[in-house]
Amino acid sequence: MGTAEASKTYEIRTHGCQMNVHDSERLAGLLEDAGYAKAPSGANADVVVFNTCAVREKADNHLYGNLGQLASVKAVQPGMQIAVGGCLAQKDRETIVKRAPWVDVVFGTHNIGHLPALLERARVQEEAQVEILESLEVFPSTLPTRRESAYAAWVSISVGCNNTCTFCIVPALRGKEKDRRTGDILAEVEALVAEGVVEVTLLGQNVNAYGQDIGDRQAFGKLLRACGGIDGLERVRFTSPHPKDFTDDVIAAMAETPNVMHQLHMPLQSGSDSVLRAMKRSYRQERYLGIIEKVRAAMPDAAISTDIIVGFPGETEEDFEQTMHVVREARFAQAFTFQYSKRPGTPAAEMEGQIPKEVVQERYLRLVALQEEISWEENKKQVGKVLEVLVAEGEGRKDQHTDRLSGRAPDSRLVHFTRPAEGVGPGTATSVAGSAPRPGTATSVAGSAPRPGDVVTVEITYAAPHHLLAEGAPLSVRRTRAGDAWEKRQAAPPAPAGVMLGLPSVGAPAPLPVAEAPSCR
């Protein structure tokens, strides 16, 4: 494989789900290993990589619009290369080069490790390289990586999906589920903790189906418990589970493992049994609400979020009211709500009973209004509580104007808090249920300005539907090895920053815009 010239720069544009964000971190690592550097802000990169999503109905229009804008840039920038990867590339293959002949490389979801070699081959041969593999060649987590966060990280435990949901094209593009060895997963987590990471999110298309390869239905719960034994790991999350695979041992593991957060993102999609049947979601309303009841019995403080699709083909007003009923009963802390749109290549796209857009829109607005009301009511219950907040980078868009900092509570609620003055706080770390620091992970320091990765203890004084506010000075600032790692990264020379998008707002280092979040779980 050739090595890029020192002056070569790159940019990765990521769209879609957590898997794409995970892959983009690997793409950035691969390009960095090949000698590329991140293009300065506002500059045209020598290599632009699109990591695409095929879930949204108009994903292809979005891609070709962006490619069209780059055509004129490439025409006046000798040597510029454009690569297209991800789910849309896996689906459309040679079509991309036919519609956009100025594209140099098209690669799929199973061969991201080949990108540097494909770029070099396209440069030498002066023709487009299209390489799509039908099965996974190398597990993405074994590839070089450039992580966006110094304090929080994704850890993939499986790829692919064995479900056949009629609205989802992901299994056709990502393939059947393939699990990583437990030892490899734990070794990666331990290595991350050694680098300063204090929070990991276990990632899978159907994360709690982990263990199907070895026939162990309790493998996921065992994995959560094993993470509890890793010194220095303060917070463990996972996304996204499937209700059909959600077992009691997982609930017990969450409740009994101190560093596993009491936060759960579990897609509902619909509250109607008939719609769930049409979706080929192998659970029903009673089963779903039963899981919620068990989770709350074991963890009364659990924050539960979900995904919901409105206007699936054949959905009646009665069906929609069943979804509203589940929302009222479950009292989600947050819901990612979507208006159904046709996904090319999915069975649902060809179903009879497609719902008129105006009907879908009206139902959608009713659902959003109900969930906003519930989110606000649930957040108001946090007022007066003392919480440990993991300070984040880039979570609060208005922080510079409000002189505040932002971070995530143990249950992943977003908290904005007053920037402490010098000398603030008694310097003692307050232990919060579900977020106890592991031995040797941090020290409490009075008068220290908190850094991303540090932990502050605050009292909540105000609640809004989508965030909490702590208006008084933090009660304490706990400096962590994660904060040290962030500070070290800031002092280092600029390095490639792998992805444009962050991570989902539930249990992850940075928020993924709702408009791009998928309903494919």
Protein backbone atom coordinates (compact mmCIF):
# COMPACT_ATOMS: atom_id res chain seq x y z
CA MET A 1 0.00 0.00 0.00
CA GLY A 2 1.31 3.41 -0.96
CA THR A 3 1.85 6.18 1.55
CA ALA A 4 0.27 9.59 1.09
CA GLU A 5 2.52 12.58 0.63
CA ALA A 6 3.00 14.68 3.74
CA SER A 7 0.92 17.50 2.27
CA LYS A 8 -2.10 15.33 1.49
CA THR A 9 -5.22 16.18 3.51
CA TYR A 10 -8.56 14.44 3.99
CA GLU A 11 -12.11 15.05 5.12
CA ILE A 12 -14.72 12.44 6.09
CA ARG A 13 -18.39 13.30 5.81
CA THR A 14 -20.48 10.87 7.86
CA HIS A 15 -24.21 10.32 7.62
CA GLY A 16 -26.43 7.85 9.42
CA CYS A 17 -26.21 5.55 12.38
CA GLN A 18 -23.71 4.74 15.11
CA MET A 19 -22.19 2.00 12.96
CA ASN A 20 -21.22 4.60 10.37
CA VAL A 21 -19.73 6.85 13.03
CA HIS A 22 -17.79 3.85 14.33
CA ASP A 23 -16.60 3.04 10.80
CA SER A 24 -15.59 6.65 10.16
CA GLU A 25 -13.31 6.61 13.18
CA ARG A 26 -11.61 3.62 11.57
CA LEU A 27 -11.42 5.32 8.17
CA ALA A 28 -9.78 8.31 9.83
CA GLY A 29 -7.29 6.02 11.54
CA LEU A 30 -6.48 4.24 8.29
CA LEU A 31 -5.90 7.51 6.44
CA GLU A 32 -3.79 8.87 9.28
CA ASP A 33 -1.68 5.71 9.20
CA ALA A 34 -1.25 6.23 5.46
CA GLY A 35 0.14 9.71 6.06
CA TYR A 36 -2.88 11.94 5.49
CA ALA A 37 -3.78 14.84 7.78
CA LYS A 38 -7.12 16.45 8.45
CA ALA A 39 -7.87 19.37 6.14
CA PRO A 40 -7.93 22.72 7.93
CA SER A 41 -11.36 24.20 8.48
CA GLY A 42 -12.65 25.87 5.33
CA ALA A 43 -9.96 24.36 3.10
CA ASN A 44 -10.56 21.93 0.26
CA ALA A 45 -9.23 18.47 1.13
CA ASP A 46 -7.16 16.35 -1.24
CA VAL A 47 -9.35 13.36 -0.37
CA VAL A 48 -13.04 13.64 0.52
CA VAL A 49 -14.72 10.48 1.82
CA PHE A 50 -18.50 10.12 2.04
CA ASN A 51 -19.61 7.48 4.54
CA THR A 52 -23.21 7.09 3.46
CA CYS A 53 -26.52 5.86 4.85
CA ALA A 54 -29.27 4.11 2.88
CA VAL A 55 -31.95 4.28 5.55
CA ARG A 56 -33.44 7.64 4.62
CA GLU A 57 -35.66 7.72 1.52
CA LYS A 58 -33.76 10.56 -0.15
CA ALA A 59 -30.27 9.52 0.91
CA ASP A 60 -29.18 9.11 -2.70
CA ASN A 61 -30.37 12.61 -3.68
CA HIS A 62 -28.43 14.00 -0.74
CA LEU A 63 -25.28 12.17 -1.80
CA TYR A 64 -25.44 13.12 -5.48
CA GLY A 65 -26.16 16.73 -4.56
CA ASN A 66 -22.97 16.81 -2.49
CA LEU A 67 -21.01 15.02 -5.19
CA GLY A 68 -22.23 17.55 -7.75
CA GLN A 69 -20.95 20.42 -5.62
CA LEU A 70 -17.52 18.78 -5.46
CA ALA A 71 -17.28 18.20 -9.21
CA SER A 72 -16.37 21.83 -9.89
CA VAL A 73 -13.90 21.84 -6.99
CA LYS A 74 -12.16 18.76 -8.33
CA ALA A 75 -11.98 20.27 -11.81
CA VAL A 76 -9.67 23.04 -10.57
CA GLN A 77 -7.79 21.03 -7.92
CA PRO A 78 -5.37 18.59 -9.57
CA GLY A 79 -5.00 15.28 -7.77
CA MET A 80 -8.15 15.61 -5.66
CA GLN A 81 -9.88 12.28 -4.99
CA ILE A 82 -13.44 11.47 -3.94
CA ALA A 83 -14.44 8.20 -2.27
CA VAL A 84 -17.93 6.91 -1.43
CA GLY A 85 -18.45 4.19 1.16
CA GLY A 86 -21.10 2.99 3.58
CA CYS A 87 -24.54 1.47 3.11
CA LEU A 88 -25.55 3.43 0.00
CA ALA A 89 -22.30 2.41 -1.68
CA GLN A 90 -22.96 -1.22 -0.74
CA LYS A 91 -26.43 -0.95 -2.28
CA ASP A 92 -25.80 1.10 -5.43
CA ARG A 93 -22.28 -0.09 -6.36
CA GLU A 94 -21.42 0.78 -9.97
CA THR A 95 -24.42 3.13 -10.20
CA ILE A 96 -22.49 5.75 -8.24
CA VAL A 97 -19.68 5.97 -10.79
CA LYS A 98 -22.18 6.05 -13.66
CA ARG A 99 -24.08 8.95 -12.12
CA ALA A 100 -20.96 10.71 -10.84
CA PRO A 101 -18.02 9.67 -13.04
CA TRP A 102 -15.68 12.03 -11.17
CA VAL A 103 -15.80 9.68 -8.14
CA ASP A 104 -12.50 7.79 -7.73
CA VAL A 105 -13.36 5.04 -5.24
CA VAL A 106 -16.52 3.18 -4.22
CA PHE A 107 -16.20 0.74 -1.31
CA GLY A 108 -18.73 -1.12 0.80
CA THR A 109 -19.48 -1.80 4.44
CA HIS A 110 -17.35 -4.96 4.53
CA ASN A 111 -14.01 -3.63 3.24
CA ILE A 112 -13.36 -0.25 4.82
CA GLY A 113 -9.81 -1.40 5.55
CA HIS A 114 -9.04 -1.28 1.81
CA LEU A 115 -9.65 2.47 1.39
CA PRO A 116 -6.00 3.68 1.35
CA ALA A 117 -5.03 0.98 -1.16
CA LEU A 118 -8.03 1.76 -3.37
CA LEU A 119 -7.15 5.46 -3.37
CA GLU A 120 -3.57 4.66 -4.38
CA ARG A 121 -4.74 2.24 -7.08
CA ALA A 122 -7.14 4.84 -8.48
CA ARG A 123 -4.32 7.41 -8.57
CA VAL A 124 -1.86 5.09 -10.32
CA GLN A 125 -4.33 3.57 -12.79
CA GLU A 126 -6.20 6.85 -13.32
CA GLU A 127 -9.57 5.14 -13.26
CA ALA A 128 -12.32 4.59 -10.70
CA GLN A 129 -12.00 1.65 -8.35
CA VAL A 130 -15.23 -0.10 -7.28
CA GLU A 131 -14.80 -2.84 -4.68
CA ILE A 132 -17.80 -4.27 -2.85
CA LEU A 133 -17.44 -7.41 -0.75
CA GLU A 134 -20.42 -9.57 0.20
CA SER A 135 -19.19 -10.53 3.64
CA LEU A 136 -17.07 -9.02 6.38
CA GLU A 137 -13.36 -9.45 5.82
CA VAL A 138 -11.88 -7.81 8.92
CA PHE A 139 -13.83 -6.82 12.04
CA PRO A 140 -13.77 -2.97 12.02
CA SER A 141 -12.53 -2.74 15.61
CA THR A 142 -9.25 -4.41 14.64
CA LEU A 143 -8.39 -1.53 12.29
CA PRO A 144 -6.45 1.62 13.20
CA THR A 145 -8.67 4.32 14.64
CA ARG A 146 -8.77 8.01 15.33
CA ARG A 147 -11.36 8.59 18.08
CA GLU A 148 -13.04 11.94 18.47
CA SER A 149 -13.24 11.78 22.25
CA ALA A 150 -10.42 11.37 24.76
CA TYR A 151 -12.81 10.36 27.53
CA ALA A 152 -15.58 8.29 25.92
CA ALA A 153 -15.55 5.63 23.22
CA TRP A 154 -17.64 3.24 21.17
CA VAL A 155 -16.75 -0.44 21.43
CA SER A 156 -18.35 -2.61 18.78
CA ILE A 157 -19.35 -6.07 20.01
CA SER A 158 -21.08 -7.27 16.84
CA VAL A 159 -21.88 -6.28 13.29
CA GLY A 160 -24.83 -7.16 11.10
CA CYS A 161 -28.35 -8.20 12.02
CA ASN A 162 -30.41 -11.40 11.75
CA ASN A 163 -33.80 -9.67 11.92
CA THR A 164 -36.07 -9.08 8.92
CA CYS A 165 -37.92 -5.87 9.84
CA THR A 166 -39.87 -4.85 6.74
CA PHE A 167 -38.89 -1.16 6.99
CA CYS A 168 -35.15 -1.78 7.31
CA ILE A 169 -32.53 -2.40 4.65
CA VAL A 170 -29.60 -2.69 7.06
CA PRO A 171 -29.42 -6.53 7.23
CA ALA A 172 -29.10 -6.67 3.44
CA LEU A 173 -26.22 -4.19 3.51
CA ARG A 174 -24.46 -5.09 6.76
CA GLY A 175 -24.99 -8.85 6.51
CA LYS A 176 -25.84 -11.46 9.12
CA GLU A 177 -24.85 -10.85 12.71
CA LYS A 178 -21.24 -11.63 13.54
CA ASP A 179 -20.09 -11.44 17.15
CA ARG A 180 -16.65 -10.57 18.43
CA ARG A 181 -14.90 -12.76 20.96
CA THR A 182 -15.60 -11.61 24.51
CA GLY A 183 -11.89 -11.56 25.28
CA ASP A 184 -11.21 -9.23 22.34
CA ILE A 185 -13.96 -6.86 23.47
CA LEU A 186 -12.68 -6.70 27.05
CA ALA A 187 -9.10 -6.27 25.84
CA GLU A 188 -10.18 -3.26 23.78
CA VAL A 189 -12.05 -1.77 26.74
CA GLU A 190 -9.03 -2.26 29.01
CA ALA A 191 -6.75 -0.63 26.44
CA LEU A 192 -9.09 2.34 26.16
CA VAL A 193 -9.23 2.77 29.93
CA ALA A 194 -5.43 2.69 30.01
CA GLU A 195 -5.50 5.62 27.56
CA GLY A 196 -7.81 7.62 29.85
CA VAL A 197 -11.30 6.66 28.65
CA VAL A 198 -13.83 6.50 31.50
CA GLU A 199 -17.02 5.78 29.53
CA VAL A 200 -17.66 3.15 26.87
CA THR A 201 -20.78 2.41 24.87
CA LEU A 202 -21.11 -1.17 23.66
CA LEU A 203 -22.37 -1.05 20.11
CA GLY A 204 -24.28 -3.50 17.93
CA GLN A 205 -27.05 -3.38 15.38
CA ASN A 206 -28.93 -5.63 17.79
CA VAL A 207 -26.60 -5.40 20.75
CA ASN A 208 -28.38 -7.72 23.17
CA ALA A 209 -28.51 -10.55 20.63
CA TYR A 210 -24.81 -10.91 21.35
CA GLY A 211 -23.93 -14.56 21.93
CA GLN A 212 -26.02 -16.09 19.15
CA ASP A 213 -22.84 -17.23 17.41
CA ILE A 214 -21.97 -19.41 20.40
CA GLY A 215 -25.50 -20.29 21.50
CA ASP A 216 -25.34 -18.44 24.82
CA ARG A 217 -28.43 -16.30 25.37
CA GLN A 218 -26.92 -14.84 28.53
CA ALA A 219 -23.65 -13.77 26.92
CA PHE A 220 -24.59 -10.10 26.84
CA GLY A 221 -25.46 -9.95 30.52
CA LYS A 222 -22.17 -11.70 31.30
CA LEU A 223 -20.33 -9.14 29.19
CA LEU A 224 -21.90 -6.26 31.13
CA ARG A 225 -20.83 -7.86 34.41
CA ALA A 226 -17.32 -8.41 33.08
CA CYS A 227 -17.09 -4.70 32.23
CA GLY A 228 -17.91 -4.05 35.87
CA GLY A 229 -14.63 -5.64 36.86
CA ILE A 230 -12.44 -3.26 34.84
CA ASP A 231 -10.73 -0.78 37.17
CA GLY A 232 -10.93 2.79 35.93
CA LEU A 233 -14.06 2.25 33.84
CA GLU A 234 -16.71 4.49 35.38
CA ARG A 235 -19.61 4.34 32.93
CA VAL A 236 -20.86 1.56 30.66
CA ARG A 237 -23.74 2.00 28.23
CA PHE A 238 -25.05 0.03 25.27
CA THR A 239 -27.12 0.61 22.15
CA SER A 240 -29.38 -0.56 20.71
CA PRO A 241 -31.14 -3.59 22.16
CA HIS A 242 -34.11 -5.34 20.59
CA PRO A 243 -37.14 -6.09 22.79
CA LYS A 244 -37.38 -9.67 21.55
CA ASP A 245 -33.90 -10.44 22.92
CA PHE A 246 -34.17 -8.44 26.12
CA THR A 247 -33.87 -10.95 28.97
CA ASP A 248 -34.16 -10.75 32.74
CA ASP A 249 -30.47 -11.50 33.24
CA VAL A 250 -29.60 -8.27 31.39
CA ILE A 251 -31.85 -6.29 33.72
CA ALA A 252 -30.15 -7.92 36.69
CA ALA A 253 -26.71 -7.17 35.28
CA MET A 254 -27.65 -3.52 34.78
CA ALA A 255 -29.03 -3.22 38.30
CA GLU A 256 -26.19 -5.08 40.03
CA THR A 257 -23.12 -3.78 38.17
CA PRO A 258 -22.17 -0.36 39.62
CA ASN A 259 -20.61 1.10 36.49
CA VAL A 260 -23.43 0.05 34.13
CA MET A 261 -25.63 3.12 33.83
CA HIS A 262 -29.34 3.05 34.59
CA GLN A 263 -30.16 4.23 31.10
CA LEU A 264 -31.78 2.24 28.32
CA HIS A 265 -32.51 3.06 24.69
CA MET A 266 -34.99 0.44 23.46
CA PRO A 267 -36.77 1.01 20.12
CA LEU A 268 -40.55 0.61 20.19
CA GLN A 269 -41.32 1.55 16.55
CA SER A 270 -45.08 1.14 17.10
CA GLY A 271 -47.45 0.43 19.96
CA SER A 272 -49.93 -1.39 17.73
CA ASP A 273 -49.75 -5.17 17.61
CA SER A 274 -51.03 -5.25 14.04
CA VAL A 275 -48.43 -2.72 12.88
CA LEU A 276 -45.68 -4.55 14.75
CA ARG A 277 -46.78 -7.71 12.97
CA ALA A 278 -46.60 -5.94 9.60
CA MET A 279 -43.16 -4.62 10.55
CA LYS A 280 -42.06 -8.18 11.47
CA ARG A 281 -41.13 -7.00 14.93
CA SER A 282 -41.35 -10.17 16.97
CA TYR A 283 -42.82 -8.68 20.16
CA ARG A 284 -46.13 -7.07 21.03
CA GLN A 285 -47.27 -4.16 23.18
CA GLU A 286 -47.75 -6.29 26.29
CA ARG A 287 -44.25 -7.73 26.01
CA TYR A 288 -42.70 -4.30 25.52
CA LEU A 289 -44.48 -2.69 28.47
CA GLY A 290 -43.61 -5.74 30.56
CA ILE A 291 -39.92 -5.10 29.96
CA ILE A 292 -40.33 -1.45 30.94
CA GLU A 293 -42.09 -2.52 34.14
CA LYS A 294 -39.29 -4.95 35.04
CA VAL A 295 -36.58 -2.38 34.33
CA ARG A 296 -38.28 0.20 36.54
CA ALA A 297 -38.84 -2.34 39.31
CA ALA A 298 -35.12 -3.14 39.35
CA MET A 299 -33.95 0.44 38.68
CA PRO A 300 -36.57 3.04 39.66
CA ASP A 301 -34.25 5.83 38.51
CA ALA A 302 -33.76 4.39 35.00
CA ALA A 303 -34.12 6.82 32.09
CA ILE A 304 -35.62 5.03 29.09
CA SER A 305 -35.65 6.35 25.53
CA THR A 306 -36.96 4.91 22.29
CA ASP A 307 -37.48 5.15 18.53
CA ILE A 308 -40.98 5.45 17.04
CA ILE A 309 -42.15 5.40 13.42
CA VAL A 310 -45.39 7.22 12.58
CA GLY A 311 -47.42 6.42 9.48
CA PHE A 312 -46.22 2.92 8.65
CA PRO A 313 -48.24 1.47 5.73
CA GLY A 314 -51.66 0.37 6.90
CA GLU A 315 -51.51 2.28 10.20
CA THR A 316 -55.02 3.29 11.24
CA GLU A 317 -56.02 5.98 13.71
CA GLU A 318 -56.66 3.20 16.23
CA ASP A 319 -53.16 1.83 15.62
CA PHE A 320 -51.69 5.26 16.20
CA GLU A 321 -53.65 5.66 19.42
CA GLN A 322 -52.07 2.42 20.63
CA THR A 323 -48.66 4.01 20.12
CA MET A 324 -49.81 7.07 22.08
CA HIS A 325 -51.00 4.71 24.83
CA VAL A 326 -47.57 3.07 25.12
CA VAL A 327 -45.89 6.49 25.24
CA ARG A 328 -48.17 7.51 28.11
CA GLU A 329 -47.55 4.25 29.97
CA ALA A 330 -43.79 4.02 29.38
CA ARG A 331 -43.09 7.68 30.11
CA PHE A 332 -39.95 7.83 28.02
CA ALA A 333 -37.31 10.35 29.00
CA GLN A 334 -36.79 10.92 25.28
CA ALA A 335 -38.14 9.58 22.00
CA PHE A 336 -36.63 9.80 18.52
CA THR A 337 -39.73 10.10 16.35
CA PHE A 338 -39.81 9.58 12.59
CA GLN A 339 -42.36 10.00 9.84
CA TYR A 340 -42.34 6.81 7.80
CA SER A 341 -40.70 7.18 4.42
CA LYS A 342 -40.09 4.50 1.83
CA ARG A 343 -36.70 2.82 2.04
CA PRO A 344 -35.82 1.54 -1.42
CA GLY A 345 -35.27 -2.19 -1.34
CA THR A 346 -37.43 -2.87 1.72
CA PRO A 347 -40.72 -4.87 1.72
CA ALA A 348 -42.59 -1.99 3.35
CA ALA A 349 -41.89 0.25 0.36
CA GLU A 350 -44.13 -2.00 -1.76
CA MET A 351 -46.90 -2.50 0.79
CA GLU A 352 -50.45 -1.37 0.17
CA GLY A 353 -51.98 1.24 2.42
CA GLN A 354 -49.30 3.92 2.16
CA ILE A 355 -50.48 6.77 4.40
CA PRO A 356 -50.99 10.26 2.91
CA LYS A 357 -48.25 12.64 3.99
CA GLU A 358 -50.69 15.11 5.57
CA VAL A 359 -52.10 12.34 7.79
CA VAL A 360 -48.62 11.22 8.82
CA GLN A 361 -47.64 14.80 9.59
CA GLU A 362 -50.70 15.41 11.77
CA ARG A 363 -50.10 12.23 13.77
CA TYR A 364 -46.42 13.01 14.08
CA LEU A 365 -47.11 16.44 15.57
CA ARG A 366 -49.51 14.93 18.10
CA LEU A 367 -46.92 12.37 19.15
CA VAL A 368 -44.15 14.96 19.46
CA ALA A 369 -46.38 17.21 21.58
CA LEU A 370 -47.21 14.32 23.94
CA GLN A 371 -43.60 13.24 24.28
CA GLU A 372 -42.44 16.83 24.87
CA GLU A 373 -44.92 17.09 27.73
CA ILE A 374 -43.77 13.80 29.25
CA SER A 375 -40.06 14.61 28.82
CA TRP A 376 -40.56 17.90 30.60
CA GLU A 377 -42.52 16.29 33.44
CA GLU A 378 -39.87 13.60 33.89
CA ASN A 379 -37.05 16.14 33.82
CA LYS A 380 -38.79 18.26 36.46
CA LYS A 381 -38.45 15.30 38.83
CA GLN A 382 -34.67 15.85 38.68
CA VAL A 383 -34.89 19.35 40.18
CA GLY A 384 -33.25 19.40 43.61
CA LYS A 385 -31.21 16.26 42.97
CA VAL A 386 -27.43 16.21 43.28
CA LEU A 387 -25.85 14.56 40.23
CA GLU A 388 -22.40 13.64 39.01
CA VAL A 389 -21.92 15.09 35.54
CA LEU A 390 -19.23 13.90 33.15
CA VAL A 391 -18.05 17.12 31.50
CA ALA A 392 -18.39 16.92 27.72
CA GLU A 393 -16.92 18.75 24.77
CA GLY A 394 -19.29 20.32 22.25
CA GLU A 395 -22.56 19.32 23.96
CA GLY A 396 -23.65 22.84 24.85
CA ARG A 397 -23.94 24.95 21.72
CA LYS A 398 -24.58 28.12 23.72
CA ASP A 399 -21.99 27.55 26.44
CA GLN A 400 -19.67 30.31 25.26
CA HIS A 401 -22.48 32.85 25.38
CA THR A 402 -23.95 31.69 28.72
CA ASP A 403 -20.61 31.11 30.50
CA ARG A 404 -21.69 27.56 31.22
CA LEU A 405 -20.29 24.08 30.66
CA SER A 406 -22.22 20.95 29.76
CA GLY A 407 -22.10 17.22 30.31
CA ARG A 408 -24.07 14.05 30.88
CA ALA A 409 -25.62 12.74 34.09
CA PRO A 410 -25.36 9.01 34.81
CA ASP A 411 -28.73 8.46 33.11
CA SER A 412 -27.44 10.42 30.08
CA ARG A 413 -29.58 13.49 30.60
CA LEU A 414 -27.88 16.60 29.26
CA VAL A 415 -26.91 19.01 32.05
CA HIS A 416 -25.78 22.61 31.62
CA PHE A 417 -24.01 24.01 34.69
CA THR A 418 -22.43 27.26 35.75
CA ARG A 419 -18.75 27.53 34.96
CA PRO A 420 -17.05 27.44 38.38
CA ALA A 421 -14.96 30.35 39.55
CA GLU A 422 -11.41 29.78 40.76
CA GLY A 423 -11.35 28.15 44.19
CA VAL A 424 -14.92 26.81 43.98
CA GLY A 425 -16.00 23.67 45.75
CA PRO A 426 -14.87 21.78 48.81
CA GLY A 427 -12.90 19.36 46.66
CA THR A 428 -14.75 16.24 47.75
CA ALA A 429 -16.24 13.80 45.28
CA THR A 430 -19.87 12.99 45.87
CA SER A 431 -20.78 9.38 45.10
CA VAL A 432 -23.95 9.03 43.06
CA ALA A 433 -25.81 5.75 42.70
CA GLY A 434 -24.92 4.03 39.45
CA SER A 435 -21.87 6.21 38.89
CA ALA A 436 -19.39 5.35 41.62
CA PRO A 437 -15.79 6.02 40.58
CA ARG A 438 -13.58 2.97 40.37
CA PRO A 439 -10.61 2.81 42.73
CA GLY A 440 -7.65 4.85 41.54
CA THR A 441 -9.51 6.57 38.72
CA ALA A 442 -9.47 10.15 39.94
CA THR A 443 -8.61 12.61 42.65
CA SER A 444 -10.74 15.44 44.02
CA VAL A 445 -9.18 18.87 43.64
CA ALA A 446 -10.56 22.13 44.99
CA GLY A 447 -10.41 25.17 42.78
CA SER A 448 -9.79 23.30 39.53
CA ALA A 449 -11.48 24.36 36.31
CA PRO A 450 -13.22 21.23 34.97
CA ARG A 451 -12.00 19.83 31.67
CA PRO A 452 -13.88 17.50 29.30
CA GLY A 453 -13.60 14.10 30.94
CA ASP A 454 -13.61 15.51 34.49
CA VAL A 455 -16.61 15.00 36.78
CA VAL A 456 -18.50 17.76 38.59
CA THR A 457 -21.11 17.38 41.29
CA VAL A 458 -24.02 19.79 40.83
CA GLU A 459 -27.50 20.44 42.18
CA ILE A 460 -30.23 20.66 39.53
CA THR A 461 -32.25 23.87 39.77
CA TYR A 462 -34.28 23.94 36.54
CA ALA A 463 -35.60 21.48 33.97
CA ALA A 464 -36.53 21.90 30.31
CA PRO A 465 -37.84 19.12 28.02
CA HIS A 466 -34.40 18.35 26.62
CA HIS A 467 -31.93 19.45 29.28
CA LEU A 468 -31.35 20.16 32.95
CA LEU A 469 -29.75 23.26 34.44
CA ALA A 470 -27.60 23.66 37.55
CA GLU A 471 -27.44 27.41 38.17
CA GLY A 472 -25.33 27.40 41.33
CA ALA A 473 -21.62 26.76 41.55
CA PRO A 474 -20.61 23.09 41.32
CA LEU A 475 -20.36 21.41 44.70
CA SER A 476 -17.12 19.74 43.66
CA VAL A 477 -14.80 19.19 40.73
CA ARG A 478 -13.19 15.77 40.37
CA ARG A 479 -10.21 15.72 38.06
CA THR A 480 -9.84 12.42 36.21
CA ARG A 481 -7.34 10.61 34.03
CA ALA A 482 -9.83 11.25 31.22
CA GLY A 483 -9.46 14.98 31.76
CA ASP A 484 -5.69 14.51 31.75
CA ALA A 485 -5.99 12.65 28.43
CA TRP A 486 -8.10 15.46 26.97
CA GLU A 487 -5.59 18.06 28.14
CA LYS A 488 -2.72 16.08 26.65
CA ARG A 489 -4.55 15.85 23.33
CA GLN A 490 -5.13 19.60 23.31
CA ALA A 491 -1.41 20.21 23.83
CA ALA A 492 -0.42 17.82 21.04
CA PRO A 493 0.03 18.95 17.41
CA PRO A 494 -3.23 18.94 15.40
CA ALA A 495 -4.22 15.43 14.31
CA PRO A 496 -6.95 14.13 12.00
CA ALA A 497 -10.43 14.39 13.46
CA GLY A 498 -12.26 11.46 11.99
CA VAL A 499 -15.94 12.26 11.72
CA MET A 500 -18.27 15.19 11.26
CA LEU A 501 -21.17 13.83 13.26
CA GLY A 502 -21.10 12.98 16.92
CA LEU A 503 -22.74 10.10 18.71
CA PRO A 504 -26.34 9.57 19.73
CA SER A 505 -27.62 11.74 22.51
CA VAL A 506 -28.52 8.73 24.60
CA GLY A 507 -25.54 7.28 26.41
CA ALA A 508 -22.71 8.44 24.23
CA PRO A 509 -19.94 11.01 23.99
CA ALA A 510 -21.68 13.52 21.73
CA PRO A 511 -25.13 13.96 20.20
CA LEU A 512 -26.19 12.67 16.80
CA PRO A 513 -28.70 15.02 15.11
CA VAL A 514 -32.21 13.60 15.34
CA ALA A 515 -32.79 14.10 11.62
CA GLU A 516 -30.03 11.60 10.85
CA ALA A 517 -30.81 9.02 13.55
CA PRO A 518 -31.99 5.77 12.01
CA SER A 519 -35.11 3.72 12.75
CA CYS A 520 -33.43 0.49 11.75
CA ARG A 521 -33.28 -1.25 15.11
